[in-house]
Amino acid sequence: MSPTYISRWLAREVDLLQFSAPTTCVYNPLIYARKPHEAYLKQHAKQGLDALFLGMNPGPWGMAQTGVPFGEVSLVRDFLGIDEAVNQPPSVHPKRPIDGFACTRSEVSGRRLWGWV
């Protein structure tokens, strides 16, 4: 199975999860940031690959914005060369807007990880 196939399956399965109050907003960047996520997989999830970075908890200013694990916006755009359209999730929390690649906030974990690479 290809990484894209696995990612699409996971996205659908995760999207079926339901949460009760007090949860009001659930972000699934594998759905609404699909284009940049698949660009990341296409560029970096190749045969014979030694490592592929995946995240379990997408940060609000990283993967939630870009669809790329540890997705510090400037590094995803400038270092990885990915700058794709990001849609809006069905429900957006007012303190955690989805601005995609227009996001000006910085994801600390992403800055650290990609700075290390």
PDB file of N, CA and C in Angstrom:
ATOM      1  N   MET A   1       0.838  -1.194   0.000  1.00  0.00           N
ATOM      2  CA  MET A   1       0.000   0.000   0.000  1.00  0.00           C
ATOM      3  C   MET A   1       0.877   1.249   0.000  1.00  0.00           C
ATOM      4  N   SER A   2       0.447   2.225  -0.724  1.00  0.00           N
ATOM      5  CA  SER A   2       1.203   3.470  -0.801  1.00  0.00           C
ATOM      6  C   SER A   2       0.926   4.336   0.428  1.00  0.00           C
ATOM      7  N   PRO A   3       1.863   5.215   0.774  1.00  0.00           N
ATOM      8  CA  PRO A   3       1.618   6.143   1.888  1.00  0.00           C
ATOM      9  C   PRO A   3       0.378   7.012   1.665  1.00  0.00           C
ATOM     10  N   THR A   4       0.110   7.395   0.420  1.00  0.00           N
ATOM     11  CA  THR A   4      -1.077   8.205   0.129  1.00  0.00           C
ATOM     12  C   THR A   4      -2.350   7.413   0.399  1.00  0.00           C
ATOM     13  N   TYR A   5      -2.379   6.158  -0.016  1.00  0.00           N
ATOM     14  CA  TYR A   5      -3.541   5.305   0.242  1.00  0.00           C
ATOM     15  C   TYR A   5      -3.768   5.150   1.745  1.00  0.00           C
ATOM     16  N   ILE A   6      -2.702   4.863   2.471  1.00  0.00           N
ATOM     17  CA  ILE A   6      -2.798   4.691   3.927  1.00  0.00           C
ATOM     18  C   ILE A   6      -3.285   5.978   4.583  1.00  0.00           C
ATOM     19  N   SER A   7      -2.740   7.104   4.146  1.00  0.00           N
ATOM     20  CA  SER A   7      -3.129   8.400   4.707  1.00  0.00           C
ATOM     21  C   SER A   7      -4.600   8.705   4.446  1.00  0.00           C
ATOM     22  N   ARG A   8      -5.077   8.400   3.253  1.00  0.00           N
ATOM     23  CA  ARG A   8      -6.493   8.638   2.931  1.00  0.00           C
ATOM     24  C   ARG A   8      -7.399   7.745   3.777  1.00  0.00           C
ATOM     25  N   TRP A   9      -6.997   6.491   3.951  1.00  0.00           N
ATOM     26  CA  TRP A   9      -7.774   5.572   4.795  1.00  0.00           C
ATOM     27  C   TRP A   9      -7.815   6.088   6.234  1.00  0.00           C
ATOM     28  N   LEU A  10      -6.647   6.468   6.759  1.00  0.00           N
ATOM     29  CA  LEU A  10      -6.572   6.985   8.123  1.00  0.00           C
ATOM     30  C   LEU A  10      -7.424   8.242   8.276  1.00  0.00           C
ATOM     31  N   ALA A  11      -7.368   9.128   7.305  1.00  0.00           N
ATOM     32  CA  ALA A  11      -8.157  10.366   7.358  1.00  0.00           C
ATOM     33  C   ALA A  11      -9.643  10.062   7.466  1.00  0.00           C
ATOM     34  N   ARG A  12     -10.114   9.111   6.664  1.00  0.00           N
ATOM     35  CA  ARG A  12     -11.538   8.742   6.715  1.00  0.00           C
ATOM     36  C   ARG A  12     -11.903   8.127   8.063  1.00  0.00           C
ATOM     37  N   GLU A  13     -11.054   7.250   8.567  1.00  0.00           N
ATOM     38  CA  GLU A  13     -11.333   6.585   9.843  1.00  0.00           C
ATOM     39  C   GLU A  13     -11.342   7.588  11.001  1.00  0.00           C
ATOM     40  N   VAL A  14     -10.370   8.467  11.019  1.00  0.00           N
ATOM     41  CA  VAL A  14     -10.288   9.473  12.087  1.00  0.00           C
ATOM     42  C   VAL A  14     -11.482  10.414  12.014  1.00  0.00           C
ATOM     43  N   ASP A  15     -11.922  10.723  10.808  1.00  0.00           N
ATOM     44  CA  ASP A  15     -13.051  11.638  10.637  1.00  0.00           C
ATOM     45  C   ASP A  15     -14.359  11.062  11.189  1.00  0.00           C
ATOM     46  N   LEU A  16     -14.414   9.758  11.401  1.00  0.00           N
ATOM     47  CA  LEU A  16     -15.611   9.118  11.957  1.00  0.00           C
ATOM     48  C   LEU A  16     -15.703   9.245  13.479  1.00  0.00           C
ATOM     49  N   LEU A  17     -14.597   9.603  14.120  1.00  0.00           N
ATOM     50  CA  LEU A  17     -14.612   9.746  15.577  1.00  0.00           C
ATOM     51  C   LEU A  17     -15.583  10.843  15.989  1.00  0.00           C
ATOM     52  N   GLN A  18     -16.285  10.600  17.075  1.00  0.00           N
ATOM     53  CA  GLN A  18     -17.222  11.595  17.604  1.00  0.00           C
ATOM     54  C   GLN A  18     -16.858  11.890  19.051  1.00  0.00           C
ATOM     55  N   PHE A  19     -17.002  13.142  19.433  1.00  0.00           N
ATOM     56  CA  PHE A  19     -16.641  13.588  20.767  1.00  0.00           C
ATOM     57  C   PHE A  19     -17.835  14.271  21.418  1.00  0.00           C
ATOM     58  N   SER A  20     -17.894  14.171  22.733  1.00  0.00           N
ATOM     59  CA  SER A  20     -18.987  14.815  23.464  1.00  0.00           C
ATOM     60  C   SER A  20     -18.490  16.115  24.083  1.00  0.00           C
ATOM     61  N   ALA A  21     -19.413  16.879  24.648  1.00  0.00           N
ATOM     62  CA  ALA A  21     -19.070  18.140  25.316  1.00  0.00           C
ATOM     63  C   ALA A  21     -18.027  17.844  26.398  1.00  0.00           C
ATOM     64  N   PRO A  22     -17.104  18.738  26.560  1.00  0.00           N
ATOM     65  CA  PRO A  22     -17.064  20.121  26.094  1.00  0.00           C
ATOM     66  C   PRO A  22     -16.395  20.313  24.730  1.00  0.00           C
ATOM     67  N   THR A  23     -16.042  19.252  24.021  1.00  0.00           N
ATOM     68  CA  THR A  23     -15.400  19.386  22.718  1.00  0.00           C
ATOM     69  C   THR A  23     -16.387  19.958  21.698  1.00  0.00           C
ATOM     70  N   THR A  24     -15.990  21.063  21.067  1.00  0.00           N
ATOM     71  CA  THR A  24     -16.857  21.702  20.069  1.00  0.00           C
ATOM     72  C   THR A  24     -16.215  21.755  18.688  1.00  0.00           C
ATOM     73  N   CYS A  25     -14.893  21.712  18.627  1.00  0.00           N
ATOM     74  CA  CYS A  25     -14.189  21.783  17.350  1.00  0.00           C
ATOM     75  C   CYS A  25     -13.159  20.659  17.279  1.00  0.00           C
ATOM     76  N   VAL A  26     -13.172  19.939  16.185  1.00  0.00           N
ATOM     77  CA  VAL A  26     -12.188  18.886  15.948  1.00  0.00           C
ATOM     78  C   VAL A  26     -11.568  19.150  14.584  1.00  0.00           C
ATOM     79  N   TYR A  27     -10.249  19.266  14.559  1.00  0.00           N
ATOM     80  CA  TYR A  27      -9.549  19.529  13.309  1.00  0.00           C
ATOM     81  C   TYR A  27      -8.948  18.229  12.781  1.00  0.00           C
ATOM     82  N   ASN A  28      -9.146  17.963  11.508  1.00  0.00           N
ATOM     83  CA  ASN A  28      -8.534  16.817  10.851  1.00  0.00           C
ATOM     84  C   ASN A  28      -7.807  17.334   9.614  1.00  0.00           C
ATOM     85  N   PRO A  29      -6.546  17.780   9.784  1.00  0.00           N
ATOM     86  CA  PRO A  29      -5.817  18.343   8.651  1.00  0.00           C
ATOM     87  C   PRO A  29      -5.576  17.342   7.521  1.00  0.00           C
ATOM     88  N   LEU A  30      -5.741  16.046   7.797  1.00  0.00           N
ATOM     89  CA  LEU A  30      -5.624  15.065   6.720  1.00  0.00           C
ATOM     90  C   LEU A  30      -6.787  15.191   5.740  1.00  0.00           C
ATOM     91  N   ILE A  31      -7.846  15.882   6.150  1.00  0.00           N
ATOM     92  CA  ILE A  31      -8.994  16.139   5.269  1.00  0.00           C
ATOM     93  C   ILE A  31      -8.897  17.543   4.663  1.00  0.00           C
ATOM     94  N   TYR A  32      -8.887  18.582   5.514  1.00  0.00           N
ATOM     95  CA  TYR A  32      -8.991  19.948   4.978  1.00  0.00           C
ATOM     96  C   TYR A  32      -7.673  20.494   4.431  1.00  0.00           C
ATOM     97  N   ALA A  33      -6.540  19.896   4.801  1.00  0.00           N
ATOM     98  CA  ALA A  33      -5.234  20.306   4.262  1.00  0.00           C
ATOM     99  C   ALA A  33      -4.647  19.159   3.429  1.00  0.00           C
ATOM    100  N   ARG A  34      -5.516  18.491   2.703  1.00  0.00           N
ATOM    101  CA  ARG A  34      -5.150  17.288   1.940  1.00  0.00           C
ATOM    102  C   ARG A  34      -4.080  17.574   0.891  1.00  0.00           C
ATOM    103  N   LYS A  35      -4.222  18.670   0.141  1.00  0.00           N
ATOM    104  CA  LYS A  35      -3.278  18.952  -0.953  1.00  0.00           C
ATOM    105  C   LYS A  35      -1.837  19.094  -0.457  1.00  0.00           C
ATOM    106  N   PRO A  36      -1.573  19.934   0.546  1.00  0.00           N
ATOM    107  CA  PRO A  36      -0.186  20.014   1.007  1.00  0.00           C
ATOM    108  C   PRO A  36       0.281  18.717   1.678  1.00  0.00           C
ATOM    109  N   HIS A  37      -0.624  18.007   2.341  1.00  0.00           N
ATOM    110  CA  HIS A  37      -0.241  16.742   2.973  1.00  0.00           C
ATOM    111  C   HIS A  37       0.211  15.731   1.915  1.00  0.00           C
ATOM    112  N   GLU A  38      -0.554  15.626   0.839  1.00  0.00           N
ATOM    113  CA  GLU A  38      -0.171  14.686  -0.215  1.00  0.00           C
ATOM    114  C   GLU A  38       1.078  15.143  -0.962  1.00  0.00           C
ATOM    115  N   ALA A  39       1.291  16.444  -1.071  1.00  0.00           N
ATOM    116  CA  ALA A  39       2.537  16.939  -1.671  1.00  0.00           C
ATOM    117  C   ALA A  39       3.728  16.506  -0.815  1.00  0.00           C
ATOM    118  N   TYR A  40       3.579  16.587   0.514  1.00  0.00           N
ATOM    119  CA  TYR A  40       4.626  16.128   1.435  1.00  0.00           C
ATOM    120  C   TYR A  40       4.891  14.638   1.235  1.00  0.00           C
ATOM    121  N   LEU A  41       3.833  13.833   1.193  1.00  0.00           N
ATOM    122  CA  LEU A  41       4.004  12.392   1.002  1.00  0.00           C
ATOM    123  C   LEU A  41       4.658  12.089  -0.346  1.00  0.00           C
ATOM    124  N   LYS A  42       4.223  12.777  -1.391  1.00  0.00           N
ATOM    125  CA  LYS A  42       4.776  12.539  -2.727  1.00  0.00           C
ATOM    126  C   LYS A  42       6.271  12.856  -2.768  1.00  0.00           C
ATOM    127  N   GLN A  43       6.660  13.938  -2.101  1.00  0.00           N
ATOM    128  CA  GLN A  43       8.068  14.341  -2.102  1.00  0.00           C
ATOM    129  C   GLN A  43       8.938  13.462  -1.215  1.00  0.00           C
ATOM    130  N   HIS A  44       8.394  13.014  -0.078  1.00  0.00           N
ATOM    131  CA  HIS A  44       9.265  12.429   0.943  1.00  0.00           C
ATOM    132  C   HIS A  44       8.974  10.985   1.323  1.00  0.00           C
ATOM    133  N   ALA A  45       7.843  10.430   0.962  1.00  0.00           N
ATOM    134  CA  ALA A  45       7.530   9.037   1.306  1.00  0.00           C
ATOM    135  C   ALA A  45       7.817   8.158   0.091  1.00  0.00           C
ATOM    136  N   LYS A  46       9.090   7.906  -0.139  1.00  0.00           N
ATOM    137  CA  LYS A  46       9.501   7.172  -1.329  1.00  0.00           C
ATOM    138  C   LYS A  46      10.085   5.811  -0.960  1.00  0.00           C
ATOM    139  N   GLN A  47      10.112   4.921  -1.941  1.00  0.00           N
ATOM    140  CA  GLN A  47      10.683   3.592  -1.773  1.00  0.00           C
ATOM    141  C   GLN A  47      12.125   3.704  -1.282  1.00  0.00           C
ATOM    142  N   GLY A  48      12.497   2.884  -0.317  1.00  0.00           N
ATOM    143  CA  GLY A  48      13.855   2.882   0.204  1.00  0.00           C
ATOM    144  C   GLY A  48      14.132   3.986   1.205  1.00  0.00           C
ATOM    145  N   LEU A  49      13.106   4.665   1.636  1.00  0.00           N
ATOM    146  CA  LEU A  49      13.242   5.769   2.584  1.00  0.00           C
ATOM    147  C   LEU A  49      13.682   5.254   3.951  1.00  0.00           C
ATOM    148  N   ASP A  50      14.618   5.939   4.579  1.00  0.00           N
ATOM    149  CA  ASP A  50      15.077   5.548   5.909  1.00  0.00           C
ATOM    150  C   ASP A  50      14.148   6.048   7.004  1.00  0.00           C
ATOM    151  N   ALA A  51      13.584   7.243   6.828  1.00  0.00           N
ATOM    152  CA  ALA A  51      12.712   7.818   7.863  1.00  0.00           C
ATOM    153  C   ALA A  51      11.731   8.790   7.219  1.00  0.00           C
ATOM    154  N   LEU A  52      10.529   8.829   7.781  1.00  0.00           N
ATOM    155  CA  LEU A  52       9.504   9.789   7.363  1.00  0.00           C
ATOM    156  C   LEU A  52       8.898  10.357   8.627  1.00  0.00           C
ATOM    157  N   PHE A  53       8.921  11.666   8.777  1.00  0.00           N
ATOM    158  CA  PHE A  53       8.375  12.289   9.977  1.00  0.00           C
ATOM    159  C   PHE A  53       6.851  12.317   9.921  1.00  0.00           C
ATOM    160  N   LEU A  54       6.238  11.777  10.957  1.00  0.00           N
ATOM    161  CA  LEU A  54       4.785  11.794  11.104  1.00  0.00           C
ATOM    162  C   LEU A  54       4.460  12.336  12.481  1.00  0.00           C
ATOM    163  N   GLY A  55       3.366  13.055  12.607  1.00  0.00           N
ATOM    164  CA  GLY A  55       2.976  13.613  13.897  1.00  0.00           C
ATOM    165  C   GLY A  55       1.701  12.966  14.408  1.00  0.00           C
ATOM    166  N   MET A  56       1.587  12.858  15.713  1.00  0.00           N
ATOM    167  CA  MET A  56       0.391  12.283  16.328  1.00  0.00           C
ATOM    168  C   MET A  56      -0.548  13.360  16.854  1.00  0.00           C
ATOM    169  N   ASN A  57      -0.019  14.535  17.114  1.00  0.00           N
ATOM    170  CA  ASN A  57      -0.799  15.608  17.713  1.00  0.00           C
ATOM    171  C   ASN A  57      -0.498  16.894  16.946  1.00  0.00           C
ATOM    172  N   PRO A  58      -1.259  17.194  15.900  1.00  0.00           N
ATOM    173  CA  PRO A  58      -0.930  18.352  15.076  1.00  0.00           C
ATOM    174  C   PRO A  58      -1.020  19.662  15.850  1.00  0.00           C
ATOM    175  N   GLY A  59       0.067  20.413  15.825  1.00  0.00           N
ATOM    176  CA  GLY A  59       0.094  21.698  16.514  1.00  0.00           C
ATOM    177  C   GLY A  59      -0.807  22.711  15.832  1.00  0.00           C
ATOM    178  N   PRO A  60      -1.342  23.671  16.588  1.00  0.00           N
ATOM    179  CA  PRO A  60      -2.289  24.640  16.028  1.00  0.00           C
ATOM    180  C   PRO A  60      -1.670  25.594  15.014  1.00  0.00           C
ATOM    181  N   TRP A  61      -0.356  25.774  15.057  1.00  0.00           N
ATOM    182  CA  TRP A  61       0.292  26.706  14.131  1.00  0.00           C
ATOM    183  C   TRP A  61       1.210  25.966  13.162  1.00  0.00           C
ATOM    184  N   GLY A  62       1.132  24.639  13.149  1.00  0.00           N
ATOM    185  CA  GLY A  62       1.958  23.823  12.267  1.00  0.00           C
ATOM    186  C   GLY A  62       1.106  22.973  11.352  1.00  0.00           C
ATOM    187  N   MET A  63       1.025  21.670  11.679  1.00  0.00           N
ATOM    188  CA  MET A  63       0.282  20.754  10.810  1.00  0.00           C
ATOM    189  C   MET A  63      -1.176  21.161  10.650  1.00  0.00           C
ATOM    190  N   ALA A  64      -1.766  21.748  11.660  1.00  0.00           N
ATOM    191  CA  ALA A  64      -3.160  22.201  11.537  1.00  0.00           C
ATOM    192  C   ALA A  64      -3.291  23.264  10.444  1.00  0.00           C
ATOM    193  N   GLN A  65      -2.214  24.000  10.173  1.00  0.00           N
ATOM    194  CA  GLN A  65      -2.227  25.035   9.138  1.00  0.00           C
ATOM    195  C   GLN A  65      -1.783  24.503   7.774  1.00  0.00           C
ATOM    196  N   THR A  66      -0.797  23.599   7.777  1.00  0.00           N
ATOM    197  CA  THR A  66      -0.150  23.192   6.524  1.00  0.00           C
ATOM    198  C   THR A  66      -0.443  21.768   6.072  1.00  0.00           C
ATOM    199  N   GLY A  67      -0.920  20.905   6.978  1.00  0.00           N
ATOM    200  CA  GLY A  67      -1.127  19.505   6.631  1.00  0.00           C
ATOM    201  C   GLY A  67       0.150  18.689   6.628  1.00  0.00           C
ATOM    202  N   VAL A  68       1.268  19.315   6.979  1.00  0.00           N
ATOM    203  CA  VAL A  68       2.567  18.642   7.005  1.00  0.00           C
ATOM    204  C   VAL A  68       2.978  18.439   8.456  1.00  0.00           C
ATOM    205  N   PRO A  69       3.380  17.220   8.834  1.00  0.00           N
ATOM    206  CA  PRO A  69       3.798  16.984  10.218  1.00  0.00           C
ATOM    207  C   PRO A  69       4.897  17.963  10.643  1.00  0.00           C
ATOM    208  N   PHE A  70       4.763  18.501  11.832  1.00  0.00           N
ATOM    209  CA  PHE A  70       5.694  19.508  12.360  1.00  0.00           C
ATOM    210  C   PHE A  70       5.805  20.665  11.370  1.00  0.00           C
ATOM    211  N   GLY A  71       4.659  21.072  10.828  1.00  0.00           N
ATOM    212  CA  GLY A  71       4.574  21.937   9.663  1.00  0.00           C
ATOM    213  C   GLY A  71       4.723  23.418   9.874  1.00  0.00           C
ATOM    214  N   GLU A  72       5.781  23.837  10.506  1.00  0.00           N
ATOM    215  CA  GLU A  72       6.110  25.265  10.602  1.00  0.00           C
ATOM    216  C   GLU A  72       5.953  25.892   9.213  1.00  0.00           C
ATOM    217  N   VAL A  73       5.075  26.880   9.092  1.00  0.00           N
ATOM    218  CA  VAL A  73       4.670  27.421   7.788  1.00  0.00           C
ATOM    219  C   VAL A  73       5.856  27.837   6.925  1.00  0.00           C
ATOM    220  N   SER A  74       6.750  28.656   7.448  1.00  0.00           N
ATOM    221  CA  SER A  74       7.851  29.154   6.615  1.00  0.00           C
ATOM    222  C   SER A  74       8.784  28.029   6.178  1.00  0.00           C
ATOM    223  N   LEU A  75       9.007  27.045   7.026  1.00  0.00           N
ATOM    224  CA  LEU A  75       9.888  25.940   6.651  1.00  0.00           C
ATOM    225  C   LEU A  75       9.230  25.007   5.637  1.00  0.00           C
ATOM    226  N   VAL A  76       7.937  24.777   5.787  1.00  0.00           N
ATOM    227  CA  VAL A  76       7.230  23.943   4.806  1.00  0.00           C
ATOM    228  C   VAL A  76       7.267  24.631   3.443  1.00  0.00           C
ATOM    229  N   ARG A  77       7.004  25.919   3.434  1.00  0.00           N
ATOM    230  CA  ARG A  77       6.974  26.670   2.171  1.00  0.00           C
ATOM    231  C   ARG A  77       8.385  26.839   1.590  1.00  0.00           C
ATOM    232  N   ASP A  78       9.337  27.305   2.407  1.00  0.00           N
ATOM    233  CA  ASP A  78      10.648  27.683   1.891  1.00  0.00           C
ATOM    234  C   ASP A  78      11.646  26.526   1.828  1.00  0.00           C
ATOM    235  N   PHE A  79      11.638  25.638   2.823  1.00  0.00           N
ATOM    236  CA  PHE A  79      12.598  24.529   2.870  1.00  0.00           C
ATOM    237  C   PHE A  79      12.085  23.314   2.096  1.00  0.00           C
ATOM    238  N   LEU A  80      10.819  22.949   2.310  1.00  0.00           N
ATOM    239  CA  LEU A  80      10.259  21.781   1.626  1.00  0.00           C
ATOM    240  C   LEU A  80       9.668  22.133   0.259  1.00  0.00           C
ATOM    241  N   GLY A  81       9.402  23.414   0.023  1.00  0.00           N
ATOM    242  CA  GLY A  81       8.866  23.845  -1.268  1.00  0.00           C
ATOM    243  C   GLY A  81       7.402  23.494  -1.483  1.00  0.00           C
ATOM    244  N   ILE A  82       6.652  23.395  -0.385  1.00  0.00           N
ATOM    245  CA  ILE A  82       5.228  23.062  -0.475  1.00  0.00           C
ATOM    246  C   ILE A  82       4.412  24.299  -0.123  1.00  0.00           C
ATOM    247  N   ASP A  83       3.505  24.685  -1.000  1.00  0.00           N
ATOM    248  CA  ASP A  83       2.627  25.835  -0.764  1.00  0.00           C
ATOM    249  C   ASP A  83       1.326  25.598  -1.520  1.00  0.00           C
ATOM    250  N   GLU A  84       0.464  24.779  -0.936  1.00  0.00           N
ATOM    251  CA  GLU A  84      -0.794  24.376  -1.564  1.00  0.00           C
ATOM    252  C   GLU A  84      -1.977  25.001  -0.831  1.00  0.00           C
ATOM    253  N   ALA A  85      -3.108  24.989  -1.474  1.00  0.00           N
ATOM    254  CA  ALA A  85      -4.333  25.514  -0.863  1.00  0.00           C
ATOM    255  C   ALA A  85      -4.754  24.659   0.328  1.00  0.00           C
ATOM    256  N   VAL A  86      -5.223  25.334   1.373  1.00  0.00           N
ATOM    257  CA  VAL A  86      -5.741  24.670   2.573  1.00  0.00           C
ATOM    258  C   VAL A  86      -7.189  25.115   2.744  1.00  0.00           C
ATOM    259  N   ASN A  87      -8.093  24.152   2.841  1.00  0.00           N
ATOM    260  CA  ASN A  87      -9.511  24.454   3.054  1.00  0.00           C
ATOM    261  C   ASN A  87      -9.779  24.709   4.531  1.00  0.00           C
ATOM    262  N   GLN A  88     -10.996  25.032   4.859  1.00  0.00           N
ATOM    263  CA  GLN A  88     -11.408  25.230   6.249  1.00  0.00           C
ATOM    264  C   GLN A  88     -12.050  23.950   6.785  1.00  0.00           C
ATOM    265  N   PRO A  89     -11.791  23.622   8.057  1.00  0.00           N
ATOM    266  CA  PRO A  89     -12.517  22.504   8.663  1.00  0.00           C
ATOM    267  C   PRO A  89     -13.985  22.893   8.858  1.00  0.00           C
ATOM    268  N   PRO A  90     -14.857  21.920   9.107  1.00  0.00           N
ATOM    269  CA  PRO A  90     -16.288  22.224   9.263  1.00  0.00           C
ATOM    270  C   PRO A  90     -16.589  23.217  10.383  1.00  0.00           C
ATOM    271  N   SER A  91     -15.831  23.153  11.458  1.00  0.00           N
ATOM    272  CA  SER A  91     -16.049  24.043  12.598  1.00  0.00           C
ATOM    273  C   SER A  91     -14.698  24.584  13.046  1.00  0.00           C
ATOM    274  N   VAL A  92     -14.595  25.901  13.184  1.00  0.00           N
ATOM    275  CA  VAL A  92     -13.323  26.534  13.538  1.00  0.00           C
ATOM    276  C   VAL A  92     -13.443  27.216  14.889  1.00  0.00           C
ATOM    277  N   HIS A  93     -12.479  26.935  15.756  1.00  0.00           N
ATOM    278  CA  HIS A  93     -12.447  27.597  17.062  1.00  0.00           C
ATOM    279  C   HIS A  93     -11.920  29.017  16.867  1.00  0.00           C
ATOM    280  N   PRO A  94     -12.556  30.024  17.471  1.00  0.00           N
ATOM    281  CA  PRO A  94     -12.130  31.414  17.254  1.00  0.00           C
ATOM    282  C   PRO A  94     -10.694  31.699  17.701  1.00  0.00           C
ATOM    283  N   LYS A  95     -10.177  30.936  18.645  1.00  0.00           N
ATOM    284  CA  LYS A  95      -8.798  31.153  19.098  1.00  0.00           C
ATOM    285  C   LYS A  95      -7.784  30.331  18.307  1.00  0.00           C
ATOM    286  N   ARG A  96      -8.256  29.479  17.415  1.00  0.00           N
ATOM    287  CA  ARG A  96      -7.378  28.636  16.602  1.00  0.00           C
ATOM    288  C   ARG A  96      -7.819  28.675  15.137  1.00  0.00           C
ATOM    289  N   PRO A  97      -7.755  29.869  14.514  1.00  0.00           N
ATOM    290  CA  PRO A  97      -8.192  29.976  13.117  1.00  0.00           C
ATOM    291  C   PRO A  97      -7.275  29.180  12.185  1.00  0.00           C
ATOM    292  N   ILE A  98      -7.823  28.769  11.071  1.00  0.00           N
ATOM    293  CA  ILE A  98      -7.032  28.089  10.050  1.00  0.00           C
ATOM    294  C   ILE A  98      -6.773  29.089   8.931  1.00  0.00           C
ATOM    295  N   ASP A  99      -5.523  29.539   8.857  1.00  0.00           N
ATOM    296  CA  ASP A  99      -5.114  30.506   7.845  1.00  0.00           C
ATOM    297  C   ASP A  99      -4.245  29.871   6.763  1.00  0.00           C
ATOM    298  N   GLY A 100      -3.949  28.582   6.904  1.00  0.00           N
ATOM    299  CA  GLY A 100      -3.105  27.900   5.931  1.00  0.00           C
ATOM    300  C   GLY A 100      -1.729  28.543   5.860  1.00  0.00           C
ATOM    301  N   PHE A 101      -1.236  28.724   4.654  1.00  0.00           N
ATOM    302  CA  PHE A 101       0.108  29.272   4.481  1.00  0.00           C
ATOM    303  C   PHE A 101       0.174  30.777   4.719  1.00  0.00           C
ATOM    304  N   ALA A 102      -0.956  31.404   4.995  1.00  0.00           N
ATOM    305  CA  ALA A 102      -0.982  32.820   5.373  1.00  0.00           C
ATOM    306  C   ALA A 102      -0.812  32.982   6.884  1.00  0.00           C
ATOM    307  N   CYS A 103      -0.740  31.874   7.614  1.00  0.00           N
ATOM    308  CA  CYS A 103      -0.588  31.926   9.074  1.00  0.00           C
ATOM    309  C   CYS A 103       0.745  32.580   9.435  1.00  0.00           C
ATOM    310  N   THR A 104       0.695  33.547  10.342  1.00  0.00           N
ATOM    311  CA  THR A 104       1.914  34.253  10.752  1.00  0.00           C
ATOM    312  C   THR A 104       2.463  33.749  12.079  1.00  0.00           C
ATOM    313  N   ARG A 105       1.728  32.852  12.733  1.00  0.00           N
ATOM    314  CA  ARG A 105       2.205  32.276  13.995  1.00  0.00           C
ATOM    315  C   ARG A 105       3.253  31.213  13.691  1.00  0.00           C
ATOM    316  N   SER A 106       4.073  30.896  14.697  1.00  0.00           N
ATOM    317  CA  SER A 106       5.153  29.937  14.506  1.00  0.00           C
ATOM    318  C   SER A 106       4.936  28.689  15.351  1.00  0.00           C
ATOM    319  N   GLU A 107       5.190  27.523  14.785  1.00  0.00           N
ATOM    320  CA  GLU A 107       5.084  26.242  15.482  1.00  0.00           C
ATOM    321  C   GLU A 107       6.461  25.879  16.022  1.00  0.00           C
ATOM    322  N   VAL A 108       6.628  25.980  17.333  1.00  0.00           N
ATOM    323  CA  VAL A 108       7.931  25.781  17.966  1.00  0.00           C
ATOM    324  C   VAL A 108       8.495  24.398  17.656  1.00  0.00           C
ATOM    325  N   SER A 109       7.682  23.355  17.792  1.00  0.00           N
ATOM    326  CA  SER A 109       8.198  21.999  17.557  1.00  0.00           C
ATOM    327  C   SER A 109       8.642  21.833  16.101  1.00  0.00           C
ATOM    328  N   GLY A 110       7.919  22.429  15.179  1.00  0.00           N
ATOM    329  CA  GLY A 110       8.297  22.362  13.776  1.00  0.00           C
ATOM    330  C   GLY A 110       9.582  23.111  13.488  1.00  0.00           C
ATOM    331  N   ARG A 111       9.731  24.274  14.085  1.00  0.00           N
ATOM    332  CA  ARG A 111      10.960  25.053  13.917  1.00  0.00           C
ATOM    333  C   ARG A 111      12.154  24.260  14.429  1.00  0.00           C
ATOM    334  N   ARG A 112      11.989  23.613  15.576  1.00  0.00           N
ATOM    335  CA  ARG A 112      13.075  22.804  16.150  1.00  0.00           C
ATOM    336  C   ARG A 112      13.404  21.608  15.264  1.00  0.00           C
ATOM    337  N   LEU A 113      12.365  20.862  14.868  1.00  0.00           N
ATOM    338  CA  LEU A 113      12.598  19.653  14.083  1.00  0.00           C
ATOM    339  C   LEU A 113      13.248  19.967  12.745  1.00  0.00           C
ATOM    340  N   TRP A 114      12.657  20.861  11.967  1.00  0.00           N
ATOM    341  CA  TRP A 114      13.198  21.140  10.646  1.00  0.00           C
ATOM    342  C   TRP A 114      14.511  21.913  10.727  1.00  0.00           C
ATOM    343  N   GLY A 115      14.738  22.637  11.812  1.00  0.00           N
ATOM    344  CA  GLY A 115      16.034  23.274  12.026  1.00  0.00           C
ATOM    345  C   GLY A 115      17.129  22.248  12.247  1.00  0.00           C
ATOM    346  N   TRP A 116      16.753  21.120  12.836  1.00  0.00           N
ATOM    347  CA  TRP A 116      17.698  20.030  13.095  1.00  0.00           C
ATOM    348  C   TRP A 116      18.072  19.320  11.805  1.00  0.00           C
ATOM    349  N   VAL A 117      17.089  19.213  10.896  1.00  0.00           N
ATOM    350  CA  VAL A 117      17.322  18.509   9.636  1.00  0.00           C
ATOM    351  C   VAL A 117      18.225  19.367   8.774  1.00  0.00           C
TER     352      VAL A 117
END
